[in-house]
Amino acid sequence: MIGPLVMNPDVLRYNNRYPFKTGKKFRWYIAVNKQNEAIGFIPIENKASECLINNYYAQKEGHDEILTDLLQTVCADYTGDTPHLTALVQTVHKELFIRLGFSTIKEWKLYIKMERK
């Protein structure tokens, strides 16, 4: 379902040319349109001490709404007794993550490490 997105050169550019990671410890959240096509995703890596958002994608059309909906679903699932949520966020999305309860841990040129407890 997400193969065409994660291999698309435009989507890879969105992720600053870094390949998307996955594995047994990942849980994927996928947004789909009415035609059941993937239009966004957030993979969460479940570690012992944290749940990590290391990359994500939402198509241009409806970008903020798609990303907000995905993040709200993720945040609802990772509350209570689950390890806290950590995210490596593109600087352009800082305010969106702040609105959803994330706070800054460290800032770099292209990314911000944020957490939500």
PDB file of N, CA and C in Angstrom:
ATOM      1  N   MET A   1       0.809  -1.201   0.000  1.00  0.00           N
ATOM      2  CA  MET A   1       0.000   0.000   0.000  1.00  0.00           C
ATOM      3  C   MET A   1       0.855   1.269   0.000  1.00  0.00           C
ATOM      4  N   ILE A   2       1.954   1.262   0.749  1.00  0.00           N
ATOM      5  CA  ILE A   2       2.783   2.472   0.807  1.00  0.00           C
ATOM      6  C   ILE A   2       4.013   2.393  -0.086  1.00  0.00           C
ATOM      7  N   GLY A   3       4.229   1.229  -0.700  1.00  0.00           N
ATOM      8  CA  GLY A   3       5.386   1.058  -1.573  1.00  0.00           C
ATOM      9  C   GLY A   3       5.541   2.158  -2.621  1.00  0.00           C
ATOM     10  N   PRO A   4       4.463   2.486  -3.363  1.00  0.00           N
ATOM     11  CA  PRO A   4       4.600   3.547  -4.366  1.00  0.00           C
ATOM     12  C   PRO A   4       5.006   4.900  -3.760  1.00  0.00           C
ATOM     13  N   LEU A   5       4.598   5.156  -2.526  1.00  0.00           N
ATOM     14  CA  LEU A   5       4.983   6.427  -1.889  1.00  0.00           C
ATOM     15  C   LEU A   5       6.435   6.419  -1.438  1.00  0.00           C
ATOM     16  N   VAL A   6       6.850   5.376  -0.720  1.00  0.00           N
ATOM     17  CA  VAL A   6       8.198   5.390  -0.150  1.00  0.00           C
ATOM     18  C   VAL A   6       9.287   5.270  -1.214  1.00  0.00           C
ATOM     19  N   MET A   7       8.921   4.849  -2.425  1.00  0.00           N
ATOM     20  CA  MET A   7       9.892   4.757  -3.510  1.00  0.00           C
ATOM     21  C   MET A   7       9.798   5.932  -4.489  1.00  0.00           C
ATOM     22  N   ASN A   8       8.842   6.812  -4.288  1.00  0.00           N
ATOM     23  CA  ASN A   8       8.639   7.963  -5.172  1.00  0.00           C
ATOM     24  C   ASN A   8       9.744   9.003  -4.921  1.00  0.00           C
ATOM     25  N   PRO A   9      10.448   9.440  -5.964  1.00  0.00           N
ATOM     26  CA  PRO A   9      11.520  10.422  -5.781  1.00  0.00           C
ATOM     27  C   PRO A   9      11.050  11.721  -5.104  1.00  0.00           C
ATOM     28  N   ASP A  10       9.829  12.174  -5.382  1.00  0.00           N
ATOM     29  CA  ASP A  10       9.315  13.388  -4.740  1.00  0.00           C
ATOM     30  C   ASP A  10       9.104  13.177  -3.244  1.00  0.00           C
ATOM     31  N   VAL A  11       8.644  12.001  -2.878  1.00  0.00           N
ATOM     32  CA  VAL A  11       8.428  11.689  -1.464  1.00  0.00           C
ATOM     33  C   VAL A  11       9.772  11.554  -0.749  1.00  0.00           C
ATOM     34  N   LEU A  12      10.750  10.970  -1.407  1.00  0.00           N
ATOM     35  CA  LEU A  12      12.088  10.886  -0.818  1.00  0.00           C
ATOM     36  C   LEU A  12      12.696  12.280  -0.633  1.00  0.00           C
ATOM     37  N   ARG A  13      12.449  13.185  -1.569  1.00  0.00           N
ATOM     38  CA  ARG A  13      12.909  14.571  -1.404  1.00  0.00           C
ATOM     39  C   ARG A  13      12.241  15.206  -0.190  1.00  0.00           C
ATOM     40  N   TYR A  14      10.965  14.935   0.019  1.00  0.00           N
ATOM     41  CA  TYR A  14      10.221  15.423   1.183  1.00  0.00           C
ATOM     42  C   TYR A  14      10.926  14.984   2.473  1.00  0.00           C
ATOM     43  N   ASN A  15      11.499  13.789   2.446  1.00  0.00           N
ATOM     44  CA  ASN A  15      12.203  13.237   3.599  1.00  0.00           C
ATOM     45  C   ASN A  15      13.697  13.562   3.542  1.00  0.00           C
ATOM     46  N   ASN A  16      14.050  14.648   2.854  1.00  0.00           N
ATOM     47  CA  ASN A  16      15.438  15.094   2.710  1.00  0.00           C
ATOM     48  C   ASN A  16      16.356  13.991   2.186  1.00  0.00           C
ATOM     49  N   ARG A  17      15.810  13.191   1.275  1.00  0.00           N
ATOM     50  CA  ARG A  17      16.519  12.123   0.561  1.00  0.00           C
ATOM     51  C   ARG A  17      16.940  10.950   1.446  1.00  0.00           C
ATOM     52  N   TYR A  18      16.411  10.862   2.650  1.00  0.00           N
ATOM     53  CA  TYR A  18      16.688   9.714   3.514  1.00  0.00           C
ATOM     54  C   TYR A  18      15.665   8.629   3.231  1.00  0.00           C
ATOM     55  N   PRO A  19      16.107   7.383   3.134  1.00  0.00           N
ATOM     56  CA  PRO A  19      15.140   6.301   2.910  1.00  0.00           C
ATOM     57  C   PRO A  19      14.280   6.082   4.159  1.00  0.00           C
ATOM     58  N   PHE A  20      13.092   5.587   3.958  1.00  0.00           N
ATOM     59  CA  PHE A  20      12.189   5.301   5.062  1.00  0.00           C
ATOM     60  C   PHE A  20      12.566   3.951   5.669  1.00  0.00           C
ATOM     61  N   LYS A  21      12.512   3.874   6.990  1.00  0.00           N
ATOM     62  CA  LYS A  21      12.892   2.650   7.697  1.00  0.00           C
ATOM     63  C   LYS A  21      11.653   1.885   8.136  1.00  0.00           C
ATOM     64  N   THR A  22      11.819   0.573   8.249  1.00  0.00           N
ATOM     65  CA  THR A  22      10.774  -0.266   8.809  1.00  0.00           C
ATOM     66  C   THR A  22      11.411  -1.537   9.359  1.00  0.00           C
ATOM     67  N   GLY A  23      10.646  -2.292  10.071  1.00  0.00           N
ATOM     68  CA  GLY A  23      11.125  -3.536  10.663  1.00  0.00           C
ATOM     69  C   GLY A  23      10.067  -4.088  11.596  1.00  0.00           C
ATOM     70  N   LYS A  24      10.410  -5.142  12.323  1.00  0.00           N
ATOM     71  CA  LYS A  24       9.468  -5.802  13.220  1.00  0.00           C
ATOM     72  C   LYS A  24       8.998  -4.905  14.365  1.00  0.00           C
ATOM     73  N   LYS A  25       9.805  -3.925  14.753  1.00  0.00           N
ATOM     74  CA  LYS A  25       9.455  -3.058  15.874  1.00  0.00           C
ATOM     75  C   LYS A  25       8.682  -1.810  15.443  1.00  0.00           C
ATOM     76  N   PHE A  26       8.307  -1.735  14.180  1.00  0.00           N
ATOM     77  CA  PHE A  26       7.593  -0.574  13.657  1.00  0.00           C
ATOM     78  C   PHE A  26       6.099  -0.831  13.578  1.00  0.00           C
ATOM     79  N   ARG A  27       5.336   0.194  13.885  1.00  0.00           N
ATOM     80  CA  ARG A  27       3.882   0.183  13.695  1.00  0.00           C
ATOM     81  C   ARG A  27       3.573   1.353  12.759  1.00  0.00           C
ATOM     82  N   TRP A  28       2.902   1.069  11.652  1.00  0.00           N
ATOM     83  CA  TRP A  28       2.641   2.080  10.639  1.00  0.00           C
ATOM     84  C   TRP A  28       1.218   2.610  10.748  1.00  0.00           C
ATOM     85  N   TYR A  29       1.097   3.935  10.687  1.00  0.00           N
ATOM     86  CA  TYR A  29      -0.192   4.615  10.593  1.00  0.00           C
ATOM     87  C   TYR A  29      -0.286   5.153   9.176  1.00  0.00           C
ATOM     88  N   ILE A  30      -1.336   4.784   8.464  1.00  0.00           N
ATOM     89  CA  ILE A  30      -1.455   5.132   7.054  1.00  0.00           C
ATOM     90  C   ILE A  30      -2.780   5.845   6.808  1.00  0.00           C
ATOM     91  N   ALA A  31      -2.704   7.010   6.163  1.00  0.00           N
ATOM     92  CA  ALA A  31      -3.902   7.749   5.752  1.00  0.00           C
ATOM     93  C   ALA A  31      -4.215   7.348   4.317  1.00  0.00           C
ATOM     94  N   VAL A  32      -5.498   7.092   4.046  1.00  0.00           N
ATOM     95  CA  VAL A  32      -5.912   6.728   2.690  1.00  0.00           C
ATOM     96  C   VAL A  32      -7.041   7.648   2.229  1.00  0.00           C
ATOM     97  N   ASN A  33      -7.140   7.805   0.921  1.00  0.00           N
ATOM     98  CA  ASN A  33      -8.226   8.614   0.354  1.00  0.00           C
ATOM     99  C   ASN A  33      -9.415   7.706   0.032  1.00  0.00           C
ATOM    100  N   LYS A  34     -10.434   8.278  -0.598  1.00  0.00           N
ATOM    101  CA  LYS A  34     -11.656   7.522  -0.913  1.00  0.00           C
ATOM    102  C   LYS A  34     -11.413   6.383  -1.905  1.00  0.00           C
ATOM    103  N   GLN A  35     -10.347   6.484  -2.677  1.00  0.00           N
ATOM    104  CA  GLN A  35     -10.000   5.431  -3.633  1.00  0.00           C
ATOM    105  C   GLN A  35      -9.094   4.370  -2.990  1.00  0.00           C
ATOM    106  N   ASN A  36      -8.925   4.454  -1.656  1.00  0.00           N
ATOM    107  CA  ASN A  36      -8.100   3.533  -0.886  1.00  0.00           C
ATOM    108  C   ASN A  36      -6.622   3.591  -1.279  1.00  0.00           C
ATOM    109  N   GLU A  37      -6.166   4.783  -1.683  1.00  0.00           N
ATOM    110  CA  GLU A  37      -4.758   5.006  -2.010  1.00  0.00           C
ATOM    111  C   GLU A  37      -4.100   5.697  -0.820  1.00  0.00           C
ATOM    112  N   ALA A  38      -2.887   5.286  -0.491  1.00  0.00           N
ATOM    113  CA  ALA A  38      -2.150   5.903   0.606  1.00  0.00           C
ATOM    114  C   ALA A  38      -1.801   7.347   0.248  1.00  0.00           C
ATOM    115  N   ILE A  39      -2.100   8.266   1.159  1.00  0.00           N
ATOM    116  CA  ILE A  39      -1.794   9.686   0.945  1.00  0.00           C
ATOM    117  C   ILE A  39      -0.922  10.259   2.057  1.00  0.00           C
ATOM    118  N   GLY A  40      -0.603   9.431   3.033  1.00  0.00           N
ATOM    119  CA  GLY A  40       0.266   9.859   4.121  1.00  0.00           C
ATOM    120  C   GLY A  40       0.539   8.703   5.061  1.00  0.00           C
ATOM    121  N   PHE A  41       1.612   8.839   5.847  1.00  0.00           N
ATOM    122  CA  PHE A  41       1.944   7.782   6.795  1.00  0.00           C
ATOM    123  C   PHE A  41       2.874   8.303   7.883  1.00  0.00           C
ATOM    124  N   ILE A  42       2.840   7.612   9.008  1.00  0.00           N
ATOM    125  CA  ILE A  42       3.785   7.831  10.106  1.00  0.00           C
ATOM    126  C   ILE A  42       4.160   6.454  10.657  1.00  0.00           C
ATOM    127  N   PRO A  43       5.414   6.033  10.468  1.00  0.00           N
ATOM    128  CA  PRO A  43       5.851   4.798  11.120  1.00  0.00           C
ATOM    129  C   PRO A  43       6.381   5.124  12.521  1.00  0.00           C
ATOM    130  N   ILE A  44       6.010   4.294  13.504  1.00  0.00           N
ATOM    131  CA  ILE A  44       6.470   4.462  14.879  1.00  0.00           C
ATOM    132  C   ILE A  44       7.376   3.282  15.210  1.00  0.00           C
ATOM    133  N   GLU A  45       8.600   3.577  15.644  1.00  0.00           N
ATOM    134  CA  GLU A  45       9.503   2.520  16.091  1.00  0.00           C
ATOM    135  C   GLU A  45       9.322   2.360  17.594  1.00  0.00           C
ATOM    136  N   ASN A  46       8.889   1.187  18.009  1.00  0.00           N
ATOM    137  CA  ASN A  46       8.650   0.912  19.422  1.00  0.00           C
ATOM    138  C   ASN A  46       9.929   0.385  20.059  1.00  0.00           C
ATOM    139  N   LYS A  47      10.516   1.218  20.929  1.00  0.00           N
ATOM    140  CA  LYS A  47      11.723   0.851  21.663  1.00  0.00           C
ATOM    141  C   LYS A  47      11.351   0.653  23.127  1.00  0.00           C
ATOM    142  N   ALA A  48      12.284   0.148  23.916  1.00  0.00           N
ATOM    143  CA  ALA A  48      12.002  -0.119  25.331  1.00  0.00           C
ATOM    144  C   ALA A  48      11.674   1.159  26.103  1.00  0.00           C
ATOM    145  N   SER A  49      12.399   2.235  25.833  1.00  0.00           N
ATOM    146  CA  SER A  49      12.230   3.456  26.622  1.00  0.00           C
ATOM    147  C   SER A  49      11.458   4.564  25.914  1.00  0.00           C
ATOM    148  N   GLU A  50      11.184   4.381  24.632  1.00  0.00           N
ATOM    149  CA  GLU A  50      10.471   5.411  23.882  1.00  0.00           C
ATOM    150  C   GLU A  50       9.827   4.816  22.646  1.00  0.00           C
ATOM    151  N   CYS A  51       8.887   5.565  22.095  1.00  0.00           N
ATOM    152  CA  CYS A  51       8.296   5.262  20.800  1.00  0.00           C
ATOM    153  C   CYS A  51       8.727   6.401  19.889  1.00  0.00           C
ATOM    154  N   LEU A  52       9.406   6.092  18.803  1.00  0.00           N
ATOM    155  CA  LEU A  52      10.082   7.101  17.989  1.00  0.00           C
ATOM    156  C   LEU A  52       9.429   7.300  16.625  1.00  0.00           C
ATOM    157  N   ILE A  53       9.104   8.557  16.343  1.00  0.00           N
ATOM    158  CA  ILE A  53       8.715   8.976  14.999  1.00  0.00           C
ATOM    159  C   ILE A  53       9.996   9.503  14.363  1.00  0.00           C
ATOM    160  N   ASN A  54      10.513   8.779  13.388  1.00  0.00           N
ATOM    161  CA  ASN A  54      11.771   9.177  12.772  1.00  0.00           C
ATOM    162  C   ASN A  54      11.560   9.742  11.373  1.00  0.00           C
ATOM    163  N   ASN A  55      10.387   9.533  10.802  1.00  0.00           N
ATOM    164  CA  ASN A  55      10.038  10.111   9.517  1.00  0.00           C
ATOM    165  C   ASN A  55       8.534   9.999   9.333  1.00  0.00           C
ATOM    166  N   TYR A  56       8.027  10.719   8.361  1.00  0.00           N
ATOM    167  CA  TYR A  56       6.590  10.747   8.096  1.00  0.00           C
ATOM    168  C   TYR A  56       6.373  11.405   6.742  1.00  0.00           C
ATOM    169  N   TYR A  57       5.152  11.299   6.240  1.00  0.00           N
ATOM    170  CA  TYR A  57       4.838  11.919   4.949  1.00  0.00           C
ATOM    171  C   TYR A  57       3.346  12.199   4.867  1.00  0.00           C
ATOM    172  N   ALA A  58       3.008  13.309   4.234  1.00  0.00           N
ATOM    173  CA  ALA A  58       1.626  13.624   3.859  1.00  0.00           C
ATOM    174  C   ALA A  58       1.675  14.336   2.509  1.00  0.00           C
ATOM    175  N   GLN A  59       0.780  13.945   1.595  1.00  0.00           N
ATOM    176  CA  GLN A  59       0.763  14.555   0.259  1.00  0.00           C
ATOM    177  C   GLN A  59       0.499  16.059   0.364  1.00  0.00           C
ATOM    178  N   LYS A  60       0.849  16.797  -0.693  1.00  0.00           N
ATOM    179  CA  LYS A  60       0.698  18.257  -0.695  1.00  0.00           C
ATOM    180  C   LYS A  60      -0.746  18.695  -0.513  1.00  0.00           C
ATOM    181  N   GLU A  61      -1.644  18.097  -1.261  1.00  0.00           N
ATOM    182  CA  GLU A  61      -3.063  18.472  -1.178  1.00  0.00           C
ATOM    183  C   GLU A  61      -3.626  17.994   0.164  1.00  0.00           C
ATOM    184  N   GLY A  62      -3.965  18.927   1.033  1.00  0.00           N
ATOM    185  CA  GLY A  62      -4.489  18.593   2.357  1.00  0.00           C
ATOM    186  C   GLY A  62      -3.407  18.200   3.344  1.00  0.00           C
ATOM    187  N   HIS A  63      -2.168  18.601   3.065  1.00  0.00           N
ATOM    188  CA  HIS A  63      -1.003  18.195   3.847  1.00  0.00           C
ATOM    189  C   HIS A  63      -1.186  18.355   5.355  1.00  0.00           C
ATOM    190  N   ASP A  64      -1.489  19.569   5.808  1.00  0.00           N
ATOM    191  CA  ASP A  64      -1.574  19.819   7.249  1.00  0.00           C
ATOM    192  C   ASP A  64      -2.696  19.018   7.899  1.00  0.00           C
ATOM    193  N   GLU A  65      -3.821  18.895   7.208  1.00  0.00           N
ATOM    194  CA  GLU A  65      -4.947  18.132   7.752  1.00  0.00           C
ATOM    195  C   GLU A  65      -4.598  16.651   7.854  1.00  0.00           C
ATOM    196  N   ILE A  66      -3.963  16.109   6.837  1.00  0.00           N
ATOM    197  CA  ILE A  66      -3.572  14.693   6.835  1.00  0.00           C
ATOM    198  C   ILE A  66      -2.585  14.424   7.963  1.00  0.00           C
ATOM    199  N   LEU A  67      -1.559  15.262   8.047  1.00  0.00           N
ATOM    200  CA  LEU A  67      -0.535  15.071   9.070  1.00  0.00           C
ATOM    201  C   LEU A  67      -1.123  15.252  10.473  1.00  0.00           C
ATOM    202  N   THR A  68      -2.001  16.221  10.647  1.00  0.00           N
ATOM    203  CA  THR A  68      -2.649  16.437  11.941  1.00  0.00           C
ATOM    204  C   THR A  68      -3.492  15.224  12.321  1.00  0.00           C
ATOM    205  N   ASP A  69      -4.294  14.715  11.391  1.00  0.00           N
ATOM    206  CA  ASP A  69      -5.124  13.546  11.671  1.00  0.00           C
ATOM    207  C   ASP A  69      -4.270  12.333  12.053  1.00  0.00           C
ATOM    208  N   LEU A  70      -3.202  12.107  11.307  1.00  0.00           N
ATOM    209  CA  LEU A  70      -2.310  10.994  11.628  1.00  0.00           C
ATOM    210  C   LEU A  70      -1.700  11.160  13.015  1.00  0.00           C
ATOM    211  N   LEU A  71      -1.196  12.356  13.306  1.00  0.00           N
ATOM    212  CA  LEU A  71      -0.567  12.594  14.605  1.00  0.00           C
ATOM    213  C   LEU A  71      -1.554  12.484  15.755  1.00  0.00           C
ATOM    214  N   GLN A  72      -2.769  12.961  15.565  1.00  0.00           N
ATOM    215  CA  GLN A  72      -3.779  12.839  16.619  1.00  0.00           C
ATOM    216  C   GLN A  72      -4.069  11.369  16.921  1.00  0.00           C
ATOM    217  N   THR A  73      -4.127  10.549  15.894  1.00  0.00           N
ATOM    218  CA  THR A  73      -4.353   9.119  16.091  1.00  0.00           C
ATOM    219  C   THR A  73      -3.182   8.485  16.821  1.00  0.00           C
ATOM    220  N   VAL A  74      -1.973   8.827  16.412  1.00  0.00           N
ATOM    221  CA  VAL A  74      -0.777   8.311  17.074  1.00  0.00           C
ATOM    222  C   VAL A  74      -0.780   8.722  18.551  1.00  0.00           C
ATOM    223  N   CYS A  75      -1.012   9.999  18.823  1.00  0.00           N
ATOM    224  CA  CYS A  75      -0.993  10.504  20.202  1.00  0.00           C
ATOM    225  C   CYS A  75      -2.059   9.825  21.058  1.00  0.00           C
ATOM    226  N   ALA A  76      -3.208   9.548  20.491  1.00  0.00           N
ATOM    227  CA  ALA A  76      -4.272   8.862  21.234  1.00  0.00           C
ATOM    228  C   ALA A  76      -3.858   7.435  21.584  1.00  0.00           C
ATOM    229  N   ASP A  77      -3.106   6.782  20.708  1.00  0.00           N
ATOM    230  CA  ASP A  77      -2.667   5.412  20.960  1.00  0.00           C
ATOM    231  C   ASP A  77      -1.493   5.333  21.930  1.00  0.00           C
ATOM    232  N   TYR A  78      -0.681   6.377  21.996  1.00  0.00           N
ATOM    233  CA  TYR A  78       0.520   6.362  22.833  1.00  0.00           C
ATOM    234  C   TYR A  78       0.348   7.297  24.026  1.00  0.00           C
ATOM    235  N   THR A  79      -0.518   6.881  24.932  1.00  0.00           N
ATOM    236  CA  THR A  79      -0.752   7.621  26.173  1.00  0.00           C
ATOM    237  C   THR A  79      -0.729   6.633  27.332  1.00  0.00           C
ATOM    238  N   GLY A  80      -0.777   7.163  28.525  1.00  0.00           N
ATOM    239  CA  GLY A  80      -0.860   6.301  29.691  1.00  0.00           C
ATOM    240  C   GLY A  80       0.416   5.542  29.969  1.00  0.00           C
ATOM    241  N   ASP A  81       0.315   4.220  29.989  1.00  0.00           N
ATOM    242  CA  ASP A  81       1.440   3.369  30.389  1.00  0.00           C
ATOM    243  C   ASP A  81       2.462   3.122  29.286  1.00  0.00           C
ATOM    244  N   THR A  82       2.192   3.574  28.082  1.00  0.00           N
ATOM    245  CA  THR A  82       3.150   3.349  26.994  1.00  0.00           C
ATOM    246  C   THR A  82       4.345   4.276  27.180  1.00  0.00           C
ATOM    247  N   PRO A  83       5.508   3.882  26.663  1.00  0.00           N
ATOM    248  CA  PRO A  83       6.669   4.791  26.720  1.00  0.00           C
ATOM    249  C   PRO A  83       6.350   6.097  26.005  1.00  0.00           C
ATOM    250  N   HIS A  84       7.035   7.172  26.417  1.00  0.00           N
ATOM    251  CA  HIS A  84       6.714   8.458  25.817  1.00  0.00           C
ATOM    252  C   HIS A  84       7.105   8.508  24.344  1.00  0.00           C
ATOM    253  N   LEU A  85       6.467   9.413  23.648  1.00  0.00           N
ATOM    254  CA  LEU A  85       6.621   9.579  22.210  1.00  0.00           C
ATOM    255  C   LEU A  85       7.713  10.611  21.935  1.00  0.00           C
ATOM    256  N   THR A  86       8.682  10.227  21.122  1.00  0.00           N
ATOM    257  CA  THR A  86       9.759  11.120  20.694  1.00  0.00           C
ATOM    258  C   THR A  86       9.676  11.233  19.175  1.00  0.00           C
ATOM    259  N   ALA A  87       9.974  12.429  18.652  1.00  0.00           N
ATOM    260  CA  ALA A  87       9.881  12.630  17.206  1.00  0.00           C
ATOM    261  C   ALA A  87      11.052  13.451  16.695  1.00  0.00           C
ATOM    262  N   LEU A  88      11.594  13.043  15.559  1.00  0.00           N
ATOM    263  CA  LEU A  88      12.533  13.874  14.819  1.00  0.00           C
ATOM    264  C   LEU A  88      11.696  14.577  13.761  1.00  0.00           C
ATOM    265  N   VAL A  89      11.503  15.873  13.965  1.00  0.00           N
ATOM    266  CA  VAL A  89      10.538  16.668  13.212  1.00  0.00           C
ATOM    267  C   VAL A  89      11.265  17.599  12.245  1.00  0.00           C
ATOM    268  N   GLN A  90      10.763  17.696  11.025  1.00  0.00           N
ATOM    269  CA  GLN A  90      11.300  18.699  10.106  1.00  0.00           C
ATOM    270  C   GLN A  90      10.951  20.077  10.664  1.00  0.00           C
ATOM    271  N   THR A  91      11.868  21.010  10.565  1.00  0.00           N
ATOM    272  CA  THR A  91      11.668  22.333  11.176  1.00  0.00           C
ATOM    273  C   THR A  91      10.380  23.005  10.697  1.00  0.00           C
ATOM    274  N   VAL A  92       9.953  22.756   9.471  1.00  0.00           N
ATOM    275  CA  VAL A  92       8.728  23.376   8.957  1.00  0.00           C
ATOM    276  C   VAL A  92       7.474  22.874   9.671  1.00  0.00           C
ATOM    277  N   HIS A  93       7.570  21.757  10.387  1.00  0.00           N
ATOM    278  CA  HIS A  93       6.412  21.182  11.069  1.00  0.00           C
ATOM    279  C   HIS A  93       6.439  21.401  12.582  1.00  0.00           C
ATOM    280  N   LYS A  94       7.369  22.208  13.048  1.00  0.00           N
ATOM    281  CA  LYS A  94       7.530  22.430  14.487  1.00  0.00           C
ATOM    282  C   LYS A  94       6.223  22.879  15.156  1.00  0.00           C
ATOM    283  N   GLU A  95       5.563  23.881  14.608  1.00  0.00           N
ATOM    284  CA  GLU A  95       4.349  24.427  15.223  1.00  0.00           C
ATOM    285  C   GLU A  95       3.223  23.399  15.274  1.00  0.00           C
ATOM    286  N   LEU A  96       3.112  22.576  14.252  1.00  0.00           N
ATOM    287  CA  LEU A  96       2.087  21.538  14.235  1.00  0.00           C
ATOM    288  C   LEU A  96       2.300  20.556  15.383  1.00  0.00           C
ATOM    289  N   PHE A  97       3.532  20.143  15.601  1.00  0.00           N
ATOM    290  CA  PHE A  97       3.829  19.220  16.691  1.00  0.00           C
ATOM    291  C   PHE A  97       3.629  19.891  18.049  1.00  0.00           C
ATOM    292  N   ILE A  98       3.966  21.165  18.164  1.00  0.00           N
ATOM    293  CA  ILE A  98       3.734  21.891  19.420  1.00  0.00           C
ATOM    294  C   ILE A  98       2.246  21.920  19.740  1.00  0.00           C
ATOM    295  N   ARG A  99       1.407  22.185  18.735  1.00  0.00           N
ATOM    296  CA  ARG A  99      -0.046  22.206  18.948  1.00  0.00           C
ATOM    297  C   ARG A  99      -0.575  20.870  19.471  1.00  0.00           C
ATOM    298  N   LEU A 100       0.129  19.797  19.165  1.00  0.00           N
ATOM    299  CA  LEU A 100      -0.308  18.473  19.594  1.00  0.00           C
ATOM    300  C   LEU A 100       0.413  18.004  20.863  1.00  0.00           C
ATOM    301  N   GLY A 101       1.033  18.931  21.567  1.00  0.00           N
ATOM    302  CA  GLY A 101       1.594  18.624  22.876  1.00  0.00           C
ATOM    303  C   GLY A 101       3.050  18.220  22.918  1.00  0.00           C
ATOM    304  N   PHE A 102       3.777  18.378  21.833  1.00  0.00           N
ATOM    305  CA  PHE A 102       5.204  18.063  21.826  1.00  0.00           C
ATOM    306  C   PHE A 102       6.008  19.274  22.284  1.00  0.00           C
ATOM    307  N   SER A 103       7.143  19.021  22.908  1.00  0.00           N
ATOM    308  CA  SER A 103       8.050  20.103  23.302  1.00  0.00           C
ATOM    309  C   SER A 103       9.448  19.791  22.763  1.00  0.00           C
ATOM    310  N   THR A 104      10.212  20.837  22.546  1.00  0.00           N
ATOM    311  CA  THR A 104      11.536  20.715  21.936  1.00  0.00           C
ATOM    312  C   THR A 104      12.568  20.216  22.939  1.00  0.00           C
ATOM    313  N   ILE A 105      13.373  19.259  22.485  1.00  0.00           N
ATOM    314  CA  ILE A 105      14.504  18.764  23.268  1.00  0.00           C
ATOM    315  C   ILE A 105      15.797  19.351  22.711  1.00  0.00           C
ATOM    316  N   LYS A 106      15.931  19.313  21.377  1.00  0.00           N
ATOM    317  CA  LYS A 106      17.155  19.787  20.721  1.00  0.00           C
ATOM    318  C   LYS A 106      16.822  20.216  19.308  1.00  0.00           C
ATOM    319  N   GLU A 107      17.508  21.258  18.818  1.00  0.00           N
ATOM    320  CA  GLU A 107      17.279  21.749  17.452  1.00  0.00           C
ATOM    321  C   GLU A 107      18.555  21.686  16.630  1.00  0.00           C
ATOM    322  N   TRP A 108      18.388  21.288  15.368  1.00  0.00           N
ATOM    323  CA  TRP A 108      19.444  21.315  14.374  1.00  0.00           C
ATOM    324  C   TRP A 108      18.967  22.193  13.224  1.00  0.00           C
ATOM    325  N   LYS A 109      19.705  22.217  12.142  1.00  0.00           N
ATOM    326  CA  LYS A 109      19.338  23.050  10.998  1.00  0.00           C
ATOM    327  C   LYS A 109      18.054  22.568  10.324  1.00  0.00           C
ATOM    328  N   LEU A 110      17.931  21.278  10.047  1.00  0.00           N
ATOM    329  CA  LEU A 110      16.787  20.743   9.324  1.00  0.00           C
ATOM    330  C   LEU A 110      15.767  20.029  10.211  1.00  0.00           C
ATOM    331  N   TYR A 111      16.181  19.630  11.413  1.00  0.00           N
ATOM    332  CA  TYR A 111      15.318  18.816  12.265  1.00  0.00           C
ATOM    333  C   TYR A 111      15.274  19.337  13.691  1.00  0.00           C
ATOM    334  N   ILE A 112      14.245  18.917  14.391  1.00  0.00           N
ATOM    335  CA  ILE A 112      14.078  19.233  15.804  1.00  0.00           C
ATOM    336  C   ILE A 112      13.712  17.931  16.497  1.00  0.00           C
ATOM    337  N   LYS A 113      14.395  17.627  17.580  1.00  0.00           N
ATOM    338  CA  LYS A 113      14.002  16.475  18.376  1.00  0.00           C
ATOM    339  C   LYS A 113      12.983  16.965  19.393  1.00  0.00           C
ATOM    340  N   MET A 114      11.814  16.325  19.391  1.00  0.00           N
ATOM    341  CA  MET A 114      10.727  16.736  20.268  1.00  0.00           C
ATOM    342  C   MET A 114      10.204  15.518  21.021  1.00  0.00           C
ATOM    343  N   GLU A 115       9.513  15.786  22.135  1.00  0.00           N
ATOM    344  CA  GLU A 115       8.902  14.688  22.881  1.00  0.00           C
ATOM    345  C   GLU A 115       7.535  15.081  23.386  1.00  0.00           C
ATOM    346  N   ARG A 116       6.760  14.058  23.628  1.00  0.00           N
ATOM    347  CA  ARG A 116       5.401  14.236  24.195  1.00  0.00           C
ATOM    348  C   ARG A 116       5.261  13.205  25.289  1.00  0.00           C
ATOM    349  N   LYS A 117       5.090  13.663  26.502  1.00  0.00           N
ATOM    350  CA  LYS A 117       4.994  12.733  27.647  1.00  0.00           C
ATOM    351  C   LYS A 117       3.561  12.494  28.020  1.00  0.00           C
TER     352      LYS A 117
END
